[in-house]
PDB file of N, CA and C in Angstrom:
ATOM      1  N   MET A   1     -11.815 -12.209   6.169  1.00  0.00           N
ATOM      2  CA  MET A   1     -10.764 -11.354   5.662  1.00  0.00           C
ATOM      3  C   MET A   1     -10.825 -11.358   4.136  1.00  0.00           C
ATOM      4  N   LYS A   2     -10.875 -10.171   3.564  1.00  0.00           N
ATOM      5  CA  LYS A   2     -10.979 -10.053   2.109  1.00  0.00           C
ATOM      6  C   LYS A   2      -9.671 -10.453   1.439  1.00  0.00           C
ATOM      7  N   PRO A   3      -9.749 -11.141   0.314  1.00  0.00           N
ATOM      8  CA  PRO A   3      -8.525 -11.486  -0.408  1.00  0.00           C
ATOM      9  C   PRO A   3      -7.914 -10.255  -1.059  1.00  0.00           C
ATOM     10  N   LEU A   4      -6.591 -10.302  -1.239  1.00  0.00           N
ATOM     11  CA  LEU A   4      -5.881  -9.242  -1.945  1.00  0.00           C
ATOM     12  C   LEU A   4      -5.721  -9.658  -3.402  1.00  0.00           C
ATOM     13  N   HIS A   5      -5.972  -8.730  -4.295  1.00  0.00           N
ATOM     14  CA  HIS A   5      -5.785  -8.958  -5.724  1.00  0.00           C
ATOM     15  C   HIS A   5      -4.748  -7.949  -6.211  1.00  0.00           C
ATOM     16  N   PHE A   6      -3.648  -8.432  -6.755  1.00  0.00           N
ATOM     17  CA  PHE A   6      -2.585  -7.561  -7.250  1.00  0.00           C
ATOM     18  C   PHE A   6      -2.772  -7.339  -8.746  1.00  0.00           C
ATOM     19  N   THR A   7      -2.842  -6.060  -9.150  1.00  0.00           N
ATOM     20  CA  THR A   7      -2.934  -5.750 -10.577  1.00  0.00           C
ATOM     21  C   THR A   7      -1.607  -6.094 -11.248  1.00  0.00           C
ATOM     22  N   LEU A   8      -1.611  -6.157 -12.557  1.00  0.00           N
ATOM     23  CA  LEU A   8      -0.379  -6.416 -13.301  1.00  0.00           C
ATOM     24  C   LEU A   8       0.667  -5.348 -12.988  1.00  0.00           C
ATOM     25  N   HIS A   9       0.231  -4.096 -12.918  1.00  0.00           N
ATOM     26  CA  HIS A   9       1.159  -3.014 -12.574  1.00  0.00           C
ATOM     27  C   HIS A   9       1.780  -3.259 -11.202  1.00  0.00           C
ATOM     28  N   ALA A  10       0.959  -3.620 -10.223  1.00  0.00           N
ATOM     29  CA  ALA A  10       1.467  -3.887  -8.872  1.00  0.00           C
ATOM     30  C   ALA A  10       2.475  -5.025  -8.901  1.00  0.00           C
ATOM     31  N   GLU A  11       2.165  -6.084  -9.597  1.00  0.00           N
ATOM     32  CA  GLU A  11       3.093  -7.223  -9.701  1.00  0.00           C
ATOM     33  C   GLU A  11       4.434  -6.777 -10.277  1.00  0.00           C
ATOM     34  N   THR A  12       4.374  -5.943 -11.297  1.00  0.00           N
ATOM     35  CA  THR A  12       5.594  -5.459 -11.950  1.00  0.00           C
ATOM     36  C   THR A  12       6.438  -4.619 -10.998  1.00  0.00           C
ATOM     37  N   VAL A  13       5.818  -3.642 -10.327  1.00  0.00           N
ATOM     38  CA  VAL A  13       6.599  -2.761  -9.453  1.00  0.00           C
ATOM     39  C   VAL A  13       7.108  -3.477  -8.208  1.00  0.00           C
ATOM     40  N   ILE A  14       6.378  -4.448  -7.719  1.00  0.00           N
ATOM     41  CA  ILE A  14       6.848  -5.230  -6.569  1.00  0.00           C
ATOM     42  C   ILE A  14       8.164  -5.915  -6.929  1.00  0.00           C
ATOM     43  N   SER A  15       8.209  -6.477  -8.104  1.00  0.00           N
ATOM     44  CA  SER A  15       9.424  -7.150  -8.568  1.00  0.00           C
ATOM     45  C   SER A  15      10.546  -6.137  -8.809  1.00  0.00           C
ATOM     46  N   GLU A  16      10.256  -5.077  -9.542  1.00  0.00           N
ATOM     47  CA  GLU A  16      11.267  -4.074  -9.884  1.00  0.00           C
ATOM     48  C   GLU A  16      11.841  -3.390  -8.643  1.00  0.00           C
ATOM     49  N   ARG A  17      10.985  -3.117  -7.672  1.00  0.00           N
ATOM     50  CA  ARG A  17      11.408  -2.381  -6.468  1.00  0.00           C
ATOM     51  C   ARG A  17      11.836  -3.295  -5.327  1.00  0.00           C
ATOM     52  N   GLN A  18      11.812  -4.593  -5.583  1.00  0.00           N
ATOM     53  CA  GLN A  18      12.211  -5.599  -4.601  1.00  0.00           C
ATOM     54  C   GLN A  18      11.473  -5.413  -3.272  1.00  0.00           C
ATOM     55  N   LEU A  19      10.159  -5.326  -3.378  1.00  0.00           N
ATOM     56  CA  LEU A  19       9.309  -5.166  -2.202  1.00  0.00           C
ATOM     57  C   LEU A  19       8.822  -6.530  -1.730  1.00  0.00           C
ATOM     58  N   ASP A  20       8.714  -6.683  -0.456  1.00  0.00           N
ATOM     59  CA  ASP A  20       8.232  -7.932   0.124  1.00  0.00           C
ATOM     60  C   ASP A  20       6.704  -7.865   0.208  1.00  0.00           C
ATOM     61  N   ARG A  21       6.032  -8.882  -0.266  1.00  0.00           N
ATOM     62  CA  ARG A  21       4.560  -8.906  -0.242  1.00  0.00           C
ATOM     63  C   ARG A  21       4.010  -8.794   1.184  1.00  0.00           C
ATOM     64  N   SER A  22       4.744  -9.310   2.151  1.00  0.00           N
ATOM     65  CA  SER A  22       4.257  -9.228   3.540  1.00  0.00           C
ATOM     66  C   SER A  22       4.189  -7.774   4.007  1.00  0.00           C
ATOM     67  N   TRP A  23       5.105  -6.905   3.534  1.00  0.00           N
ATOM     68  CA  TRP A  23       5.052  -5.482   3.894  1.00  0.00           C
ATOM     69  C   TRP A  23       3.793  -4.858   3.309  1.00  0.00           C
ATOM     70  N   ILE A  24       3.468  -5.238   2.098  1.00  0.00           N
ATOM     71  CA  ILE A  24       2.289  -4.684   1.420  1.00  0.00           C
ATOM     72  C   ILE A  24       1.020  -5.160   2.115  1.00  0.00           C
ATOM     73  N   GLU A  25       0.953  -6.442   2.407  1.00  0.00           N
ATOM     74  CA  GLU A  25      -0.235  -6.969   3.077  1.00  0.00           C
ATOM     75  C   GLU A  25      -0.433  -6.317   4.441  1.00  0.00           C
ATOM     76  N   LEU A  26       0.630  -6.158   5.204  1.00  0.00           N
ATOM     77  CA  LEU A  26       0.523  -5.526   6.517  1.00  0.00           C
ATOM     78  C   LEU A  26       0.093  -4.065   6.385  1.00  0.00           C
ATOM     79  N   THR A  27       0.631  -3.381   5.383  1.00  0.00           N
ATOM     80  CA  THR A  27       0.253  -1.980   5.148  1.00  0.00           C
ATOM     81  C   THR A  27      -1.226  -1.868   4.819  1.00  0.00           C
ATOM     82  N   VAL A  28      -1.730  -2.777   4.000  1.00  0.00           N
ATOM     83  CA  VAL A  28      -3.136  -2.739   3.596  1.00  0.00           C
ATOM     84  C   VAL A  28      -4.052  -3.106   4.765  1.00  0.00           C
ATOM     85  N   ARG A  29      -3.707  -4.143   5.483  1.00  0.00           N
ATOM     86  CA  ARG A  29      -4.593  -4.648   6.540  1.00  0.00           C
ATOM     87  C   ARG A  29      -4.472  -3.902   7.868  1.00  0.00           C
ATOM     88  N   LYS A  30      -3.283  -3.370   8.168  1.00  0.00           N
ATOM     89  CA  LYS A  30      -3.068  -2.656   9.438  1.00  0.00           C
ATOM     90  C   LYS A  30      -2.215  -1.406   9.205  1.00  0.00           C
ATOM     91  N   PRO A  31      -2.751  -0.439   8.464  1.00  0.00           N
ATOM     92  CA  PRO A  31      -1.964   0.766   8.163  1.00  0.00           C
ATOM     93  C   PRO A  31      -1.742   1.617   9.418  1.00  0.00           C
ATOM     94  N   ASP A  32      -0.609   2.334   9.424  1.00  0.00           N
ATOM     95  CA  ASP A  32      -0.380   3.322  10.481  1.00  0.00           C
ATOM     96  C   ASP A  32      -1.336   4.500  10.295  1.00  0.00           C
ATOM     97  N   TRP A  33      -1.598   4.837   9.022  1.00  0.00           N
ATOM     98  CA  TRP A  33      -2.606   5.841   8.690  1.00  0.00           C
ATOM     99  C   TRP A  33      -3.033   5.645   7.247  1.00  0.00           C
ATOM    100  N   ARG A  34      -4.133   6.279   6.906  1.00  0.00           N
ATOM    101  CA  ARG A  34      -4.683   6.186   5.555  1.00  0.00           C
ATOM    102  C   ARG A  34      -5.265   7.526   5.152  1.00  0.00           C
ATOM    103  N   GLU A  35      -5.374   7.731   3.844  1.00  0.00           N
ATOM    104  CA  GLU A  35      -5.998   8.945   3.321  1.00  0.00           C
ATOM    105  C   GLU A  35      -6.615   8.645   1.962  1.00  0.00           C
ATOM    106  N   THR A  36      -7.589   9.431   1.603  1.00  0.00           N
ATOM    107  CA  THR A  36      -8.218   9.283   0.292  1.00  0.00           C
ATOM    108  C   THR A  36      -7.222   9.699  -0.772  1.00  0.00           C
ATOM    109  N   ASP A  37      -7.140   8.949  -1.840  1.00  0.00           N
ATOM    110  CA  ASP A  37      -6.254   9.289  -2.947  1.00  0.00           C
ATOM    111  C   ASP A  37      -6.803  10.521  -3.659  1.00  0.00           C
ATOM    112  N   PRO A  38      -5.928  11.439  -4.114  1.00  0.00           N
ATOM    113  CA  PRO A  38      -6.416  12.639  -4.821  1.00  0.00           C
ATOM    114  C   PRO A  38      -7.259  12.331  -6.052  1.00  0.00           C
ATOM    115  N   SER A  39      -7.094  11.129  -6.622  1.00  0.00           N
ATOM    116  CA  SER A  39      -7.938  10.762  -7.767  1.00  0.00           C
ATOM    117  C   SER A  39      -9.383  10.561  -7.329  1.00  0.00           C
ATOM    118  N   GLY A  40      -9.592  10.495  -6.009  1.00  0.00           N
ATOM    119  CA  GLY A  40     -10.940  10.425  -5.464  1.00  0.00           C
ATOM    120  C   GLY A  40     -11.304   9.053  -4.948  1.00  0.00           C
ATOM    121  N   PRO A  41     -12.371   9.029  -4.123  1.00  0.00           N
ATOM    122  CA  PRO A  41     -12.836   7.750  -3.595  1.00  0.00           C
ATOM    123  C   PRO A  41     -13.327   6.883  -4.740  1.00  0.00           C
ATOM    124  N   PRO A  42     -13.276   5.622  -4.640  1.00  0.00           N
ATOM    125  CA  PRO A  42     -12.943   4.833  -3.459  1.00  0.00           C
ATOM    126  C   PRO A  42     -11.466   4.456  -3.362  1.00  0.00           C
ATOM    127  N   THR A  43     -10.608   5.020  -4.255  1.00  0.00           N
ATOM    128  CA  THR A  43      -9.187   4.712  -4.179  1.00  0.00           C
ATOM    129  C   THR A  43      -8.597   5.341  -2.915  1.00  0.00           C
ATOM    130  N   GLU A  44      -7.722   4.585  -2.254  1.00  0.00           N
ATOM    131  CA  GLU A  44      -7.198   5.011  -0.962  1.00  0.00           C
ATOM    132  C   GLU A  44      -5.695   4.778  -0.891  1.00  0.00           C
ATOM    133  N   ARG A  45      -5.019   5.642  -0.146  1.00  0.00           N
ATOM    134  CA  ARG A  45      -3.600   5.473   0.147  1.00  0.00           C
ATOM    135  C   ARG A  45      -3.496   4.930   1.572  1.00  0.00           C
ATOM    136  N   ARG A  46      -2.691   3.889   1.749  1.00  0.00           N
ATOM    137  CA  ARG A  46      -2.455   3.330   3.083  1.00  0.00           C
ATOM    138  C   ARG A  46      -0.951   3.311   3.321  1.00  0.00           C
ATOM    139  N   TYR A  47      -0.566   3.706   4.529  1.00  0.00           N
ATOM    140  CA  TYR A  47       0.844   3.883   4.861  1.00  0.00           C
ATOM    141  C   TYR A  47       1.230   3.069   6.092  1.00  0.00           C
ATOM    142  N   ARG A  48       2.490   2.636   6.101  1.00  0.00           N
ATOM    143  CA  ARG A  48       3.006   1.923   7.272  1.00  0.00           C
ATOM    144  C   ARG A  48       4.540   1.956   7.244  1.00  0.00           C
ATOM    145  N   ARG A  49       5.114   2.104   8.427  1.00  0.00           N
ATOM    146  CA  ARG A  49       6.578   2.028   8.557  1.00  0.00           C
ATOM    147  C   ARG A  49       7.026   0.592   8.327  1.00  0.00           C
ATOM    148  N   VAL A  50       8.188   0.455   7.685  1.00  0.00           N
ATOM    149  CA  VAL A  50       8.756  -0.865   7.415  1.00  0.00           C
ATOM    150  C   VAL A  50      10.100  -0.954   8.143  1.00  0.00           C
ATOM    151  N   PRO A  51      10.115  -1.587   9.320  1.00  0.00           N
ATOM    152  CA  PRO A  51      11.366  -1.679  10.091  1.00  0.00           C
ATOM    153  C   PRO A  51      12.507  -2.329   9.315  1.00  0.00           C
ATOM    154  N   GLU A  52      12.190  -3.293   8.456  1.00  0.00           N
ATOM    155  CA  GLU A  52      13.219  -3.988   7.683  1.00  0.00           C
ATOM    156  C   GLU A  52      13.897  -3.088   6.651  1.00  0.00           C
ATOM    157  N   ARG A  53      13.311  -1.942   6.389  1.00  0.00           N
ATOM    158  CA  ARG A  53      13.881  -0.978   5.432  1.00  0.00           C
ATOM    159  C   ARG A  53      14.147   0.355   6.121  1.00  0.00           C
ATOM    160  N   ASP A  54      14.787   0.286   7.284  1.00  0.00           N
ATOM    161  CA  ASP A  54      15.189   1.481   8.044  1.00  0.00           C
ATOM    162  C   ASP A  54      14.007   2.394   8.377  1.00  0.00           C
ATOM    163  N   ASN A  55      12.862   1.791   8.682  1.00  0.00           N
ATOM    164  CA  ASN A  55      11.641   2.519   9.046  1.00  0.00           C
ATOM    165  C   ASN A  55      11.135   3.454   7.959  1.00  0.00           C
ATOM    166  N   ARG A  56      11.496   3.165   6.717  1.00  0.00           N
ATOM    167  CA  ARG A  56      10.922   3.947   5.617  1.00  0.00           C
ATOM    168  C   ARG A  56       9.431   3.660   5.552  1.00  0.00           C
ATOM    169  N   ILE A  57       8.696   4.540   4.899  1.00  0.00           N
ATOM    170  CA  ILE A  57       7.241   4.438   4.830  1.00  0.00           C
ATOM    171  C   ILE A  57       6.818   3.766   3.528  1.00  0.00           C
ATOM    172  N   MET A  58       6.043   2.699   3.679  1.00  0.00           N
ATOM    173  CA  MET A  58       5.444   2.015   2.528  1.00  0.00           C
ATOM    174  C   MET A  58       4.122   2.701   2.221  1.00  0.00           C
ATOM    175  N   ARG A  59       3.929   3.046   0.947  1.00  0.00           N
ATOM    176  CA  ARG A  59       2.626   3.570   0.517  1.00  0.00           C
ATOM    177  C   ARG A  59       2.027   2.553  -0.438  1.00  0.00           C
ATOM    178  N   VAL A  60       0.790   2.174  -0.162  1.00  0.00           N
ATOM    179  CA  VAL A  60       0.066   1.257  -1.039  1.00  0.00           C
ATOM    180  C   VAL A  60      -1.205   1.961  -1.488  1.00  0.00           C
ATOM    181  N   ILE A  61      -1.393   2.006  -2.793  1.00  0.00           N
ATOM    182  CA  ILE A  61      -2.623   2.551  -3.361  1.00  0.00           C
ATOM    183  C   ILE A  61      -3.523   1.358  -3.636  1.00  0.00           C
ATOM    184  N   CYS A  62      -4.733   1.417  -3.071  1.00  0.00           N
ATOM    185  CA  CYS A  62      -5.621   0.257  -3.217  1.00  0.00           C
ATOM    186  C   CYS A  62      -7.069   0.713  -3.393  1.00  0.00           C
ATOM    187  N   LEU A  63      -7.860  -0.243  -3.812  1.00  0.00           N
ATOM    188  CA  LEU A  63      -9.289  -0.038  -4.021  1.00  0.00           C
ATOM    189  C   LEU A  63      -9.997  -1.194  -3.341  1.00  0.00           C
ATOM    190  N   GLU A  64     -10.755  -0.877  -2.304  1.00  0.00           N
ATOM    191  CA  GLU A  64     -11.452  -1.920  -1.558  1.00  0.00           C
ATOM    192  C   GLU A  64     -12.905  -2.001  -2.009  1.00  0.00           C
ATOM    193  N   THR A  65     -13.319  -3.216  -2.344  1.00  0.00           N
ATOM    194  CA  THR A  65     -14.711  -3.459  -2.728  1.00  0.00           C
ATOM    195  C   THR A  65     -15.341  -4.355  -1.665  1.00  0.00           C
ATOM    196  N   ALA A  66     -16.567  -4.754  -1.900  1.00  0.00           N
ATOM    197  CA  ALA A  66     -17.255  -5.634  -0.953  1.00  0.00           C
ATOM    198  C   ALA A  66     -16.620  -7.020  -0.894  1.00  0.00           C
ATOM    199  N   THR A  67     -15.892  -7.401  -1.956  1.00  0.00           N
ATOM    200  CA  THR A  67     -15.376  -8.768  -2.025  1.00  0.00           C
ATOM    201  C   THR A  67     -13.860  -8.902  -2.015  1.00  0.00           C
ATOM    202  N   GLU A  68     -13.126  -7.809  -2.277  1.00  0.00           N
ATOM    203  CA  GLU A  68     -11.670  -7.902  -2.360  1.00  0.00           C
ATOM    204  C   GLU A  68     -11.023  -6.551  -2.102  1.00  0.00           C
ATOM    205  N   ILE A  69      -9.694  -6.590  -1.953  1.00  0.00           N
ATOM    206  CA  ILE A  69      -8.891  -5.372  -1.915  1.00  0.00           C
ATOM    207  C   ILE A  69      -7.928  -5.464  -3.087  1.00  0.00           C
ATOM    208  N   ARG A  70      -8.080  -4.546  -4.025  1.00  0.00           N
ATOM    209  CA  ARG A  70      -7.244  -4.540  -5.221  1.00  0.00           C
ATOM    210  C   ARG A  70      -6.045  -3.624  -4.986  1.00  0.00           C
ATOM    211  N   ILE A  71      -4.844  -4.181  -5.111  1.00  0.00           N
ATOM    212  CA  ILE A  71      -3.610  -3.421  -4.952  1.00  0.00           C
ATOM    213  C   ILE A  71      -3.240  -2.848  -6.311  1.00  0.00           C
ATOM    214  N   ILE A  72      -3.189  -1.526  -6.393  1.00  0.00           N
ATOM    215  CA  ILE A  72      -2.897  -0.859  -7.658  1.00  0.00           C
ATOM    216  C   ILE A  72      -1.401  -0.633  -7.818  1.00  0.00           C
ATOM    217  N   THR A  73      -0.752  -0.132  -6.754  1.00  0.00           N
ATOM    218  CA  THR A  73       0.696   0.071  -6.770  1.00  0.00           C
ATOM    219  C   THR A  73       1.204   0.147  -5.343  1.00  0.00           C
ATOM    220  N   ALA A  74       2.516   0.042  -5.195  1.00  0.00           N
ATOM    221  CA  ALA A  74       3.144   0.110  -3.879  1.00  0.00           C
ATOM    222  C   ALA A  74       4.575   0.610  -4.040  1.00  0.00           C
ATOM    223  N   PHE A  75       5.006   1.419  -3.083  1.00  0.00           N
ATOM    224  CA  PHE A  75       6.391   1.896  -3.114  1.00  0.00           C
ATOM    225  C   PHE A  75       6.776   2.459  -1.756  1.00  0.00           C
ATOM    226  N   LEU A  76       8.086   2.593  -1.559  1.00  0.00           N
ATOM    227  CA  LEU A  76       8.603   3.231  -0.353  1.00  0.00           C
ATOM    228  C   LEU A  76       8.615   4.728  -0.629  1.00  0.00           C
ATOM    229  N   ASP A  77       7.846   5.474   0.135  1.00  0.00           N
ATOM    230  CA  ASP A  77       7.586   6.886  -0.116  1.00  0.00           C
ATOM    231  C   ASP A  77       8.532   7.752   0.705  1.00  0.00           C
ATOM    232  N   ARG A  78       9.476   8.367   0.060  1.00  0.00           N
ATOM    233  CA  ARG A  78      10.477   9.201   0.755  1.00  0.00           C
ATOM    234  C   ARG A  78       9.886  10.470   1.352  1.00  0.00           C
ATOM    235  N   LYS A  79       8.792  10.955   0.788  1.00  0.00           N
ATOM    236  CA  LYS A  79       8.216  12.230   1.229  1.00  0.00           C
ATOM    237  C   LYS A  79       7.111  12.065   2.277  1.00  0.00           C
ATOM    238  N   ALA A  80       6.675  10.844   2.517  1.00  0.00           N
ATOM    239  CA  ALA A  80       5.549  10.627   3.440  1.00  0.00           C
ATOM    240  C   ALA A  80       5.943  10.930   4.875  1.00  0.00           C
ATOM    241  N   ARG A  81       5.044  11.625   5.565  1.00  0.00           N
ATOM    242  CA  ARG A  81       5.217  11.933   6.981  1.00  0.00           C
ATOM    243  C   ARG A  81       3.918  11.611   7.693  1.00  0.00           C
ATOM    244  N   MET A  82       4.028  10.930   8.833  1.00  0.00           N
ATOM    245  CA  MET A  82       2.846  10.575   9.589  1.00  0.00           C
ATOM    246  C   MET A  82       2.133  11.851  10.053  1.00  0.00           C
ATOM    247  N   PRO A  83       0.823  11.906   9.843  1.00  0.00           N
ATOM    248  CA  PRO A  83       0.084  13.106  10.291  1.00  0.00           C
ATOM    249  C   PRO A  83       0.079  13.192  11.810  1.00  0.00           C
ATOM    250  N   ARG A  84      -0.004  14.402  12.294  1.00  0.00           N
ATOM    251  CA  ARG A  84      -0.008  14.637  13.747  1.00  0.00           C
ATOM    252  C   ARG A  84      -1.401  14.712  14.280  1.00  0.00           C
TER     253      ARG A  84
END
């Protein structure tokens, strides 16, 4: 299992937004769905429902390399809808 590396920005927003690291880790490792970030590969968006937050959708922007998964940012995305 690849280690997670949190950028300084990610660390800051996790604290400011009062996000639980376990929600982020679960979103990264077992997303409900994923999509390529508009900034282009290899950056990726990963999404997962968070039951502890009224089933809101967690979005994590990450960059996966051969040795790690770098977490760039994370937030509860009000506009996200699971694709059909």
